[in-house]
Amino acid sequence: MELFDLLKALILGFVEGMTEFAPVSSTGHLIIVDDMWLKTEEFLGKYPAITFKIVIQLGSILAVVFVFWKRLFSLVGLYNIDGKKMNNRFNLLHVIVGMLPAVILGFAFKDLIDDYLFGIETVIVALVAGAILMIIADKFGPKRPKVQSLDQISYRQAFTVGLVQCLSLWPGFSRSGATISGGVLFGMNHRTAADFTFIMAVPIMMGASLVSVMKNWEYMSMDHIWFYVVGFLSAFVFSLISIRFFLKLISKVKLMPFAIYRIILAVILAAIVFL
């Protein structure tokens, strides 16, 4: 395996790590960087290239576990936060209620999504649509949100955010963009909405990733093992950096700068693709 091939893995891990948890769409960015530039499918083959994107996503998930380990362990009874009783704080049922709508729709429409929504043109539209939702959230969300921490989230709010999360099944829309916007619109402050988004990402992303890896296992080759390893480690390291940075930033700048970035990116892509 050539050094340039490993550099491709490093770059794609960087893109995954820096965009997975920011509301800009990691899937959209990976499609753009890989399909328009690196073209790993030509090097790995179609199905191993799909599996590689899943493997680096697992690196991002591991970073979330590293940052939120106390909360995640508390959900399964392995850690007690501030001595609070389970029924008086954020618990596993909040996560299940929040992830259920997207899981059901994802399974029901997976083939349609894969066949019709993975492409530069659809990503461009999704970037703009997601930006509009984020602008609406910042403009019309409560000026003084009542929910200031995870422990104040109701089951109804968790389910409502889960419904909004279904929009992220459209590649390019952004799961974090959808869920943070939904949380802000329905009474959470930006930091709490982001925390809920990241914690809810672990079972959703891990489940989807493991299913995809198992489905494509036969296409993986030991000849490409270092490609996978470099991509995984790159995604993990850069996800750690981006998560910590984003959680400090979101309360200060909110969603508007990310929405503007998405619109600018969509315009540039449209010019490249259509002109």
C-alpha atoms as a PDB file:
ATOM      1  CA  MET A   1       0.000   0.000   0.000  1.00  0.00           C
ATOM      2  CA  GLU A   2       1.410   3.385  -1.034  1.00  0.00           C
ATOM      3  CA  LEU A   3       1.878   6.349   1.300  1.00  0.00           C
ATOM      4  CA  PHE A   4      -0.580   8.418  -0.744  1.00  0.00           C
ATOM      5  CA  ASP A   5      -3.272   5.807  -0.096  1.00  0.00           C
ATOM      6  CA  LEU A   6      -2.761   6.153   3.651  1.00  0.00           C
ATOM      7  CA  LEU A   7      -2.895   9.927   3.234  1.00  0.00           C
ATOM      8  CA  LYS A   8      -6.345   9.480   1.673  1.00  0.00           C
ATOM      9  CA  ALA A   9      -7.445   7.537   4.736  1.00  0.00           C
ATOM     10  CA  LEU A  10      -6.057  10.267   7.007  1.00  0.00           C
ATOM     11  CA  ILE A  11      -7.890  12.981   5.047  1.00  0.00           C
ATOM     12  CA  LEU A  12     -11.215  11.144   5.079  1.00  0.00           C
ATOM     13  CA  GLY A  13     -10.830  10.473   8.812  1.00  0.00           C
ATOM     14  CA  PHE A  14     -10.176  14.181   9.286  1.00  0.00           C
ATOM     15  CA  VAL A  15     -13.304  15.108   7.298  1.00  0.00           C
ATOM     16  CA  GLU A  16     -15.428  12.603   9.249  1.00  0.00           C
ATOM     17  CA  GLY A  17     -14.066  13.714  12.610  1.00  0.00           C
ATOM     18  CA  MET A  18     -14.398  17.452  12.019  1.00  0.00           C
ATOM     19  CA  THR A  19     -17.900  17.302  10.502  1.00  0.00           C
ATOM     20  CA  GLU A  20     -19.721  14.397  12.181  1.00  0.00           C
ATOM     21  CA  PHE A  21     -20.853  16.400  15.191  1.00  0.00           C
ATOM     22  CA  ALA A  22     -20.957  19.897  13.746  1.00  0.00           C
ATOM     23  CA  PRO A  23     -24.290  20.761  12.067  1.00  0.00           C
ATOM     24  CA  VAL A  24     -22.794  20.741   8.565  1.00  0.00           C
ATOM     25  CA  SER A  25     -23.356  17.090   7.503  1.00  0.00           C
ATOM     26  CA  SER A  26     -20.468  14.645   7.625  1.00  0.00           C
ATOM     27  CA  THR A  27     -22.123  12.417   5.008  1.00  0.00           C
ATOM     28  CA  GLY A  28     -22.411  15.358   2.651  1.00  0.00           C
ATOM     29  CA  HIS A  29     -18.784  16.317   3.138  1.00  0.00           C
ATOM     30  CA  LEU A  30     -17.560  12.746   2.680  1.00  0.00           C
ATOM     31  CA  ILE A  31     -19.540  12.446  -0.548  1.00  0.00           C
ATOM     32  CA  ILE A  32     -18.048  15.721  -1.753  1.00  0.00           C
ATOM     33  CA  VAL A  33     -14.422  14.994  -0.775  1.00  0.00           C
ATOM     34  CA  ASP A  34     -14.424  11.349  -1.811  1.00  0.00           C
ATOM     35  CA  ASP A  35     -16.640  11.325  -4.912  1.00  0.00           C
ATOM     36  CA  MET A  36     -15.243  14.556  -6.354  1.00  0.00           C
ATOM     37  CA  TRP A  37     -11.595  14.224  -5.327  1.00  0.00           C
ATOM     38  CA  LEU A  38     -10.124  11.155  -3.597  1.00  0.00           C
ATOM     39  CA  LYS A  39     -12.303   8.481  -5.267  1.00  0.00           C
ATOM     40  CA  THR A  40     -11.478   5.667  -2.855  1.00  0.00           C
ATOM     41  CA  GLU A  41     -14.019   3.451  -4.607  1.00  0.00           C
ATOM     42  CA  GLU A  42     -11.591   3.144  -7.523  1.00  0.00           C
ATOM     43  CA  PHE A  43      -8.874   2.005  -5.111  1.00  0.00           C
ATOM     44  CA  LEU A  44     -10.848  -0.200  -2.699  1.00  0.00           C
ATOM     45  CA  GLY A  45     -13.864  -1.242  -4.728  1.00  0.00           C
ATOM     46  CA  LYS A  46     -17.489  -0.220  -4.176  1.00  0.00           C
ATOM     47  CA  TYR A  47     -18.394  -2.225  -1.080  1.00  0.00           C
ATOM     48  CA  PRO A  48     -15.040  -1.949   0.758  1.00  0.00           C
ATOM     49  CA  ALA A  49     -15.261   1.845   0.221  1.00  0.00           C
ATOM     50  CA  ILE A  50     -18.709   1.836   1.856  1.00  0.00           C
ATOM     51  CA  THR A  51     -17.346  -0.267   4.725  1.00  0.00           C
ATOM     52  CA  PHE A  52     -14.417   2.136   5.173  1.00  0.00           C
ATOM     53  CA  LYS A  53     -16.818   5.045   5.719  1.00  0.00           C
ATOM     54  CA  ILE A  54     -18.561   2.950   8.363  1.00  0.00           C
ATOM     55  CA  VAL A  55     -15.273   2.074  10.082  1.00  0.00           C
ATOM     56  CA  ILE A  56     -14.231   5.718  10.423  1.00  0.00           C
ATOM     57  CA  GLN A  57     -17.703   6.504  11.753  1.00  0.00           C
ATOM     58  CA  LEU A  58     -17.006   4.010  14.549  1.00  0.00           C
ATOM     59  CA  GLY A  59     -13.939   6.104  15.370  1.00  0.00           C
ATOM     60  CA  SER A  60     -16.192   9.124  15.826  1.00  0.00           C
ATOM     61  CA  ILE A  61     -18.544   7.121  18.057  1.00  0.00           C
ATOM     62  CA  LEU A  62     -15.637   6.090  20.266  1.00  0.00           C
ATOM     63  CA  ALA A  63     -14.760   9.770  20.692  1.00  0.00           C
ATOM     64  CA  VAL A  64     -18.307  10.508  21.947  1.00  0.00           C
ATOM     65  CA  VAL A  65     -18.031   7.653  24.447  1.00  0.00           C
ATOM     66  CA  PHE A  66     -14.686   9.079  25.609  1.00  0.00           C
ATOM     67  CA  VAL A  67     -16.153  12.574  26.178  1.00  0.00           C
ATOM     68  CA  PHE A  68     -19.548  11.557  27.629  1.00  0.00           C
ATOM     69  CA  TRP A  69     -18.555   8.357  29.431  1.00  0.00           C
ATOM     70  CA  LYS A  70     -20.101   9.406  32.756  1.00  0.00           C
ATOM     71  CA  ARG A  71     -23.492  10.113  31.218  1.00  0.00           C
ATOM     72  CA  LEU A  72     -23.396   7.023  29.043  1.00  0.00           C
ATOM     73  CA  PHE A  73     -22.391   4.773  31.939  1.00  0.00           C
ATOM     74  CA  SER A  74     -25.134   6.294  34.084  1.00  0.00           C
ATOM     75  CA  LEU A  75     -27.727   5.319  31.471  1.00  0.00           C
ATOM     76  CA  VAL A  76     -26.986   1.644  32.074  1.00  0.00           C
ATOM     77  CA  GLY A  77     -26.566   1.941  35.837  1.00  0.00           C
ATOM     78  CA  LEU A  78     -22.767   1.834  35.941  1.00  0.00           C
ATOM     79  CA  TYR A  79     -22.256   5.374  37.232  1.00  0.00           C
ATOM     80  CA  ASN A  80     -24.230   7.624  39.579  1.00  0.00           C
ATOM     81  CA  ILE A  81     -24.230  11.332  38.675  1.00  0.00           C
ATOM     82  CA  ASP A  82     -24.532  13.644  41.694  1.00  0.00           C
ATOM     83  CA  GLY A  83     -26.383  10.977  43.663  1.00  0.00           C
ATOM     84  CA  LYS A  84     -29.619  11.614  41.761  1.00  0.00           C
ATOM     85  CA  LYS A  85     -32.308   8.964  41.513  1.00  0.00           C
ATOM     86  CA  MET A  86     -32.899   7.500  38.061  1.00  0.00           C
ATOM     87  CA  ASN A  87     -36.485   8.773  37.783  1.00  0.00           C
ATOM     88  CA  ASN A  88     -35.388  12.335  38.540  1.00  0.00           C
ATOM     89  CA  ARG A  89     -32.865  12.680  35.754  1.00  0.00           C
ATOM     90  CA  PHE A  90     -31.984  11.983  32.170  1.00  0.00           C
ATOM     91  CA  ASN A  91     -32.138   8.229  31.573  1.00  0.00           C
ATOM     92  CA  LEU A  92     -32.051   5.513  28.948  1.00  0.00           C
ATOM     93  CA  LEU A  93     -35.750   5.917  28.106  1.00  0.00           C
ATOM     94  CA  HIS A  94     -35.107   9.480  26.890  1.00  0.00           C
ATOM     95  CA  VAL A  95     -32.555   8.105  24.426  1.00  0.00           C
ATOM     96  CA  ILE A  96     -34.828   5.285  23.250  1.00  0.00           C
ATOM     97  CA  VAL A  97     -37.782   7.635  22.754  1.00  0.00           C
ATOM     98  CA  GLY A  98     -35.558  10.085  20.873  1.00  0.00           C
ATOM     99  CA  MET A  99     -33.996   7.580  18.510  1.00  0.00           C
ATOM    100  CA  LEU A 100     -37.095   5.466  17.767  1.00  0.00           C
ATOM    101  CA  PRO A 101     -38.647   7.541  14.930  1.00  0.00           C
ATOM    102  CA  ALA A 102     -35.435   7.697  12.873  1.00  0.00           C
ATOM    103  CA  VAL A 103     -34.686   4.005  13.466  1.00  0.00           C
ATOM    104  CA  ILE A 104     -38.137   2.968  12.214  1.00  0.00           C
ATOM    105  CA  LEU A 105     -38.087   5.243   9.159  1.00  0.00           C
ATOM    106  CA  GLY A 106     -34.461   4.395   8.446  1.00  0.00           C
ATOM    107  CA  PHE A 107     -35.188   0.689   8.247  1.00  0.00           C
ATOM    108  CA  ALA A 108     -38.386   1.251   6.264  1.00  0.00           C
ATOM    109  CA  PHE A 109     -36.853   3.499   3.617  1.00  0.00           C
ATOM    110  CA  LYS A 110     -33.164   2.486   3.623  1.00  0.00           C
ATOM    111  CA  ASP A 111     -33.173   1.184   0.045  1.00  0.00           C
ATOM    112  CA  LEU A 112     -34.962   4.276  -1.287  1.00  0.00           C
ATOM    113  CA  ILE A 113     -32.506   6.546   0.524  1.00  0.00           C
ATOM    114  CA  ASP A 114     -29.496   4.623  -0.801  1.00  0.00           C
ATOM    115  CA  ASP A 115     -30.864   4.595  -4.360  1.00  0.00           C
ATOM    116  CA  TYR A 116     -32.119   8.164  -4.704  1.00  0.00           C
ATOM    117  CA  LEU A 117     -30.609  10.472  -2.060  1.00  0.00           C
ATOM    118  CA  PHE A 118     -26.862   9.736  -2.164  1.00  0.00           C
ATOM    119  CA  GLY A 119     -25.457  12.161  -4.712  1.00  0.00           C
ATOM    120  CA  ILE A 120     -23.968  15.629  -5.084  1.00  0.00           C
ATOM    121  CA  GLU A 121     -27.208  17.183  -6.374  1.00  0.00           C
ATOM    122  CA  THR A 122     -29.349  15.922  -3.486  1.00  0.00           C
ATOM    123  CA  VAL A 123     -26.666  16.901  -0.967  1.00  0.00           C
ATOM    124  CA  ILE A 124     -26.695  20.472  -2.299  1.00  0.00           C
ATOM    125  CA  VAL A 125     -30.443  20.740  -1.736  1.00  0.00           C
ATOM    126  CA  ALA A 126     -30.149  19.153   1.720  1.00  0.00           C
ATOM    127  CA  LEU A 127     -27.417  21.597   2.740  1.00  0.00           C
ATOM    128  CA  VAL A 128     -29.728  24.516   1.996  1.00  0.00           C
ATOM    129  CA  ALA A 129     -32.808  22.890   3.563  1.00  0.00           C
ATOM    130  CA  GLY A 130     -30.882  22.114   6.750  1.00  0.00           C
ATOM    131  CA  ALA A 131     -29.532  25.666   6.872  1.00  0.00           C
ATOM    132  CA  ILE A 132     -33.072  27.060   6.658  1.00  0.00           C
ATOM    133  CA  LEU A 133     -34.186  24.892   9.598  1.00  0.00           C
ATOM    134  CA  MET A 134     -31.204  26.081  11.645  1.00  0.00           C
ATOM    135  CA  ILE A 135     -31.969  29.738  10.888  1.00  0.00           C
ATOM    136  CA  ILE A 136     -35.614  29.177  11.897  1.00  0.00           C
ATOM    137  CA  ALA A 137     -34.479  27.555  15.164  1.00  0.00           C
ATOM    138  CA  ASP A 138     -32.223  30.486  16.059  1.00  0.00           C
ATOM    139  CA  LYS A 139     -34.833  33.061  15.093  1.00  0.00           C
ATOM    140  CA  PHE A 140     -37.995  31.504  16.532  1.00  0.00           C
ATOM    141  CA  GLY A 141     -36.703  29.344  19.385  1.00  0.00           C
ATOM    142  CA  PRO A 142     -37.492  30.586  22.932  1.00  0.00           C
ATOM    143  CA  LYS A 143     -35.296  33.504  23.962  1.00  0.00           C
ATOM    144  CA  ARG A 144     -35.133  32.092  27.490  1.00  0.00           C
ATOM    145  CA  PRO A 145     -35.317  28.316  27.096  1.00  0.00           C
ATOM    146  CA  LYS A 146     -36.607  26.452  30.140  1.00  0.00           C
ATOM    147  CA  VAL A 147     -34.463  23.364  29.583  1.00  0.00           C
ATOM    148  CA  GLN A 148     -30.929  24.216  30.687  1.00  0.00           C
ATOM    149  CA  SER A 149     -29.574  20.699  31.235  1.00  0.00           C
ATOM    150  CA  LEU A 150     -30.131  17.096  30.191  1.00  0.00           C
ATOM    151  CA  ASP A 151     -31.892  16.348  33.486  1.00  0.00           C
ATOM    152  CA  GLN A 152     -34.703  18.760  32.557  1.00  0.00           C
ATOM    153  CA  ILE A 153     -35.587  17.115  29.232  1.00  0.00           C
ATOM    154  CA  SER A 154     -39.079  15.570  29.175  1.00  0.00           C
ATOM    155  CA  TYR A 155     -39.987  12.404  27.315  1.00  0.00           C
ATOM    156  CA  ARG A 156     -42.254  14.441  25.041  1.00  0.00           C
ATOM    157  CA  GLN A 157     -39.380  16.748  24.114  1.00  0.00           C
ATOM    158  CA  ALA A 158     -37.117  13.755  23.474  1.00  0.00           C
ATOM    159  CA  PHE A 159     -39.717  12.250  21.130  1.00  0.00           C
ATOM    160  CA  THR A 160     -40.295  15.565  19.347  1.00  0.00           C
ATOM    161  CA  VAL A 161     -36.578  15.975  18.744  1.00  0.00           C
ATOM    162  CA  GLY A 162     -36.555  12.387  17.488  1.00  0.00           C
ATOM    163  CA  LEU A 163     -39.212  13.259  14.923  1.00  0.00           C
ATOM    164  CA  VAL A 164     -37.139  16.194  13.677  1.00  0.00           C
ATOM    165  CA  GLN A 165     -34.106  13.914  13.543  1.00  0.00           C
ATOM    166  CA  CYS A 166     -35.859  11.929  10.781  1.00  0.00           C
ATOM    167  CA  LEU A 167     -34.974  14.769   8.411  1.00  0.00           C
ATOM    168  CA  SER A 168     -31.327  13.732   8.744  1.00  0.00           C
ATOM    169  CA  LEU A 169     -32.055  10.493   6.872  1.00  0.00           C
ATOM    170  CA  TRP A 170     -31.649  12.757   3.847  1.00  0.00           C
ATOM    171  CA  PRO A 171     -27.852  12.796   3.243  1.00  0.00           C
ATOM    172  CA  GLY A 172     -26.522  16.308   3.556  1.00  0.00           C
ATOM    173  CA  PHE A 173     -29.197  17.496   5.992  1.00  0.00           C
ATOM    174  CA  SER A 174     -27.080  16.710   9.076  1.00  0.00           C
ATOM    175  CA  ARG A 175     -28.252  14.697  12.044  1.00  0.00           C
ATOM    176  CA  SER A 176     -26.780  17.113  14.581  1.00  0.00           C
ATOM    177  CA  GLY A 177     -28.182  20.079  12.649  1.00  0.00           C
ATOM    178  CA  ALA A 178     -31.665  18.566  12.703  1.00  0.00           C
ATOM    179  CA  THR A 179     -31.646  17.453  16.346  1.00  0.00           C
ATOM    180  CA  ILE A 180     -30.057  20.604  17.759  1.00  0.00           C
ATOM    181  CA  SER A 181     -32.533  22.715  15.781  1.00  0.00           C
ATOM    182  CA  GLY A 182     -35.400  20.570  17.029  1.00  0.00           C
ATOM    183  CA  GLY A 183     -34.191  20.820  20.607  1.00  0.00           C
ATOM    184  CA  VAL A 184     -33.859  24.609  20.413  1.00  0.00           C
ATOM    185  CA  LEU A 185     -37.301  25.016  18.815  1.00  0.00           C
ATOM    186  CA  PHE A 186     -38.904  22.944  21.570  1.00  0.00           C
ATOM    187  CA  GLY A 187     -37.414  24.594  24.618  1.00  0.00           C
ATOM    188  CA  MET A 188     -33.787  23.504  25.100  1.00  0.00           C
ATOM    189  CA  ASN A 189     -30.806  25.791  25.175  1.00  0.00           C
ATOM    190  CA  HIS A 190     -28.187  25.153  22.488  1.00  0.00           C
ATOM    191  CA  ARG A 191     -25.710  23.323  24.749  1.00  0.00           C
ATOM    192  CA  THR A 192     -28.343  20.943  26.134  1.00  0.00           C
ATOM    193  CA  ALA A 193     -29.636  20.214  22.635  1.00  0.00           C
ATOM    194  CA  ALA A 194     -26.062  19.462  21.533  1.00  0.00           C
ATOM    195  CA  ASP A 195     -25.418  17.185  24.524  1.00  0.00           C
ATOM    196  CA  PHE A 196     -28.623  15.253  23.803  1.00  0.00           C
ATOM    197  CA  THR A 197     -27.662  15.011  20.140  1.00  0.00           C
ATOM    198  CA  PHE A 198     -24.226  13.551  20.866  1.00  0.00           C
ATOM    199  CA  ILE A 199     -25.454  11.025  23.447  1.00  0.00           C
ATOM    200  CA  MET A 200     -28.313   9.891  21.208  1.00  0.00           C
ATOM    201  CA  ALA A 201     -25.796   9.462  18.373  1.00  0.00           C
ATOM    202  CA  VAL A 202     -23.985   6.588  20.107  1.00  0.00           C
ATOM    203  CA  PRO A 203     -26.628   3.817  19.857  1.00  0.00           C
ATOM    204  CA  ILE A 204     -27.921   5.053  16.485  1.00  0.00           C
ATOM    205  CA  MET A 205     -24.527   5.309  14.809  1.00  0.00           C
ATOM    206  CA  MET A 206     -23.143   2.197  16.472  1.00  0.00           C
ATOM    207  CA  GLY A 207     -26.146   0.088  15.468  1.00  0.00           C
ATOM    208  CA  ALA A 208     -26.151   1.334  11.883  1.00  0.00           C
ATOM    209  CA  SER A 209     -22.379   0.953  11.621  1.00  0.00           C
ATOM    210  CA  LEU A 210     -22.271  -2.599  12.948  1.00  0.00           C
ATOM    211  CA  VAL A 211     -25.111  -3.677  10.659  1.00  0.00           C
ATOM    212  CA  SER A 212     -23.286  -2.217   7.661  1.00  0.00           C
ATOM    213  CA  VAL A 213     -19.951  -3.783   8.619  1.00  0.00           C
ATOM    214  CA  MET A 214     -21.571  -7.204   9.011  1.00  0.00           C
ATOM    215  CA  LYS A 215     -23.391  -6.787   5.702  1.00  0.00           C
ATOM    216  CA  ASN A 216     -20.164  -5.923   3.862  1.00  0.00           C
ATOM    217  CA  TRP A 217     -17.743  -8.079   5.868  1.00  0.00           C
ATOM    218  CA  GLU A 218     -17.075 -10.437   2.971  1.00  0.00           C
ATOM    219  CA  TYR A 219     -15.748  -7.544   0.889  1.00  0.00           C
ATOM    220  CA  MET A 220     -13.105  -6.496   3.427  1.00  0.00           C
ATOM    221  CA  SER A 221      -9.526  -7.486   2.711  1.00  0.00           C
ATOM    222  CA  MET A 222      -6.479  -7.708   4.974  1.00  0.00           C
ATOM    223  CA  ASP A 223      -4.567  -6.019   2.158  1.00  0.00           C
ATOM    224  CA  HIS A 224      -6.340  -2.792   3.140  1.00  0.00           C
ATOM    225  CA  ILE A 225      -6.143  -3.191   6.924  1.00  0.00           C
ATOM    226  CA  TRP A 226      -3.813  -0.206   7.431  1.00  0.00           C
ATOM    227  CA  PHE A 227      -6.114   1.950   5.327  1.00  0.00           C
ATOM    228  CA  TYR A 228      -8.932   1.161   7.767  1.00  0.00           C
ATOM    229  CA  VAL A 229      -6.720   1.610  10.835  1.00  0.00           C
ATOM    230  CA  VAL A 230      -5.424   5.029   9.769  1.00  0.00           C
ATOM    231  CA  GLY A 231      -8.915   6.224   8.893  1.00  0.00           C
ATOM    232  CA  PHE A 232     -10.338   4.982  12.207  1.00  0.00           C
ATOM    233  CA  LEU A 233      -7.618   6.621  14.322  1.00  0.00           C
ATOM    234  CA  SER A 234      -7.810   9.838  12.338  1.00  0.00           C
ATOM    235  CA  ALA A 235     -11.580  10.042  12.811  1.00  0.00           C
ATOM    236  CA  PHE A 236     -11.241   9.342  16.542  1.00  0.00           C
ATOM    237  CA  VAL A 237      -8.595  12.000  17.178  1.00  0.00           C
ATOM    238  CA  PHE A 238     -10.248  14.721  15.118  1.00  0.00           C
ATOM    239  CA  SER A 239     -13.680  13.895  16.563  1.00  0.00           C
ATOM    240  CA  LEU A 240     -12.287  14.424  20.066  1.00  0.00           C
ATOM    241  CA  ILE A 241     -10.995  17.830  19.020  1.00  0.00           C
ATOM    242  CA  SER A 242     -14.173  18.874  17.223  1.00  0.00           C
ATOM    243  CA  ILE A 243     -16.566  17.709  19.977  1.00  0.00           C
ATOM    244  CA  ARG A 244     -14.780  19.628  22.712  1.00  0.00           C
ATOM    245  CA  PHE A 245     -14.428  22.717  20.524  1.00  0.00           C
ATOM    246  CA  PHE A 246     -18.031  22.599  19.326  1.00  0.00           C
ATOM    247  CA  LEU A 247     -19.509  22.226  22.826  1.00  0.00           C
ATOM    248  CA  LYS A 248     -17.644  25.358  23.926  1.00  0.00           C
ATOM    249  CA  LEU A 249     -18.633  27.231  20.767  1.00  0.00           C
ATOM    250  CA  ILE A 250     -22.331  26.394  20.341  1.00  0.00           C
ATOM    251  CA  SER A 251     -23.577  28.383  23.354  1.00  0.00           C
ATOM    252  CA  LYS A 252     -21.769  31.481  22.098  1.00  0.00           C
ATOM    253  CA  VAL A 253     -22.374  31.516  18.350  1.00  0.00           C
ATOM    254  CA  LYS A 254     -25.503  29.297  18.160  1.00  0.00           C
ATOM    255  CA  LEU A 255     -26.477  27.864  14.749  1.00  0.00           C
ATOM    256  CA  MET A 256     -26.404  30.864  12.405  1.00  0.00           C
ATOM    257  CA  PRO A 257     -22.681  30.703  11.393  1.00  0.00           C
ATOM    258  CA  PHE A 258     -23.055  27.032  10.494  1.00  0.00           C
ATOM    259  CA  ALA A 259     -26.174  27.786   8.459  1.00  0.00           C
ATOM    260  CA  ILE A 260     -24.315  30.485   6.511  1.00  0.00           C
ATOM    261  CA  TYR A 261     -21.410  28.090   5.889  1.00  0.00           C
ATOM    262  CA  ARG A 262     -23.822  25.468   4.538  1.00  0.00           C
ATOM    263  CA  ILE A 263     -25.428  27.923   2.134  1.00  0.00           C
ATOM    264  CA  ILE A 264     -22.052  29.159   0.866  1.00  0.00           C
ATOM    265  CA  LEU A 265     -20.889  25.556   0.403  1.00  0.00           C
ATOM    266  CA  ALA A 266     -24.092  24.691  -1.472  1.00  0.00           C
ATOM    267  CA  VAL A 267     -23.638  27.655  -3.823  1.00  0.00           C
ATOM    268  CA  ILE A 268     -20.017  26.688  -4.561  1.00  0.00           C
ATOM    269  CA  LEU A 269     -20.977  23.079  -5.204  1.00  0.00           C
ATOM    270  CA  ALA A 270     -23.861  24.099  -7.442  1.00  0.00           C
ATOM    271  CA  ALA A 271     -21.510  26.262  -9.476  1.00  0.00           C
ATOM    272  CA  ILE A 272     -19.055  23.383  -9.854  1.00  0.00           C
ATOM    273  CA  VAL A 273     -21.704  20.812 -10.743  1.00  0.00           C
ATOM    274  CA  PHE A 274     -24.073  22.805 -12.927  1.00  0.00           C
ATOM    275  CA  LEU A 275     -21.917  25.478 -14.598  1.00  0.00           C
END
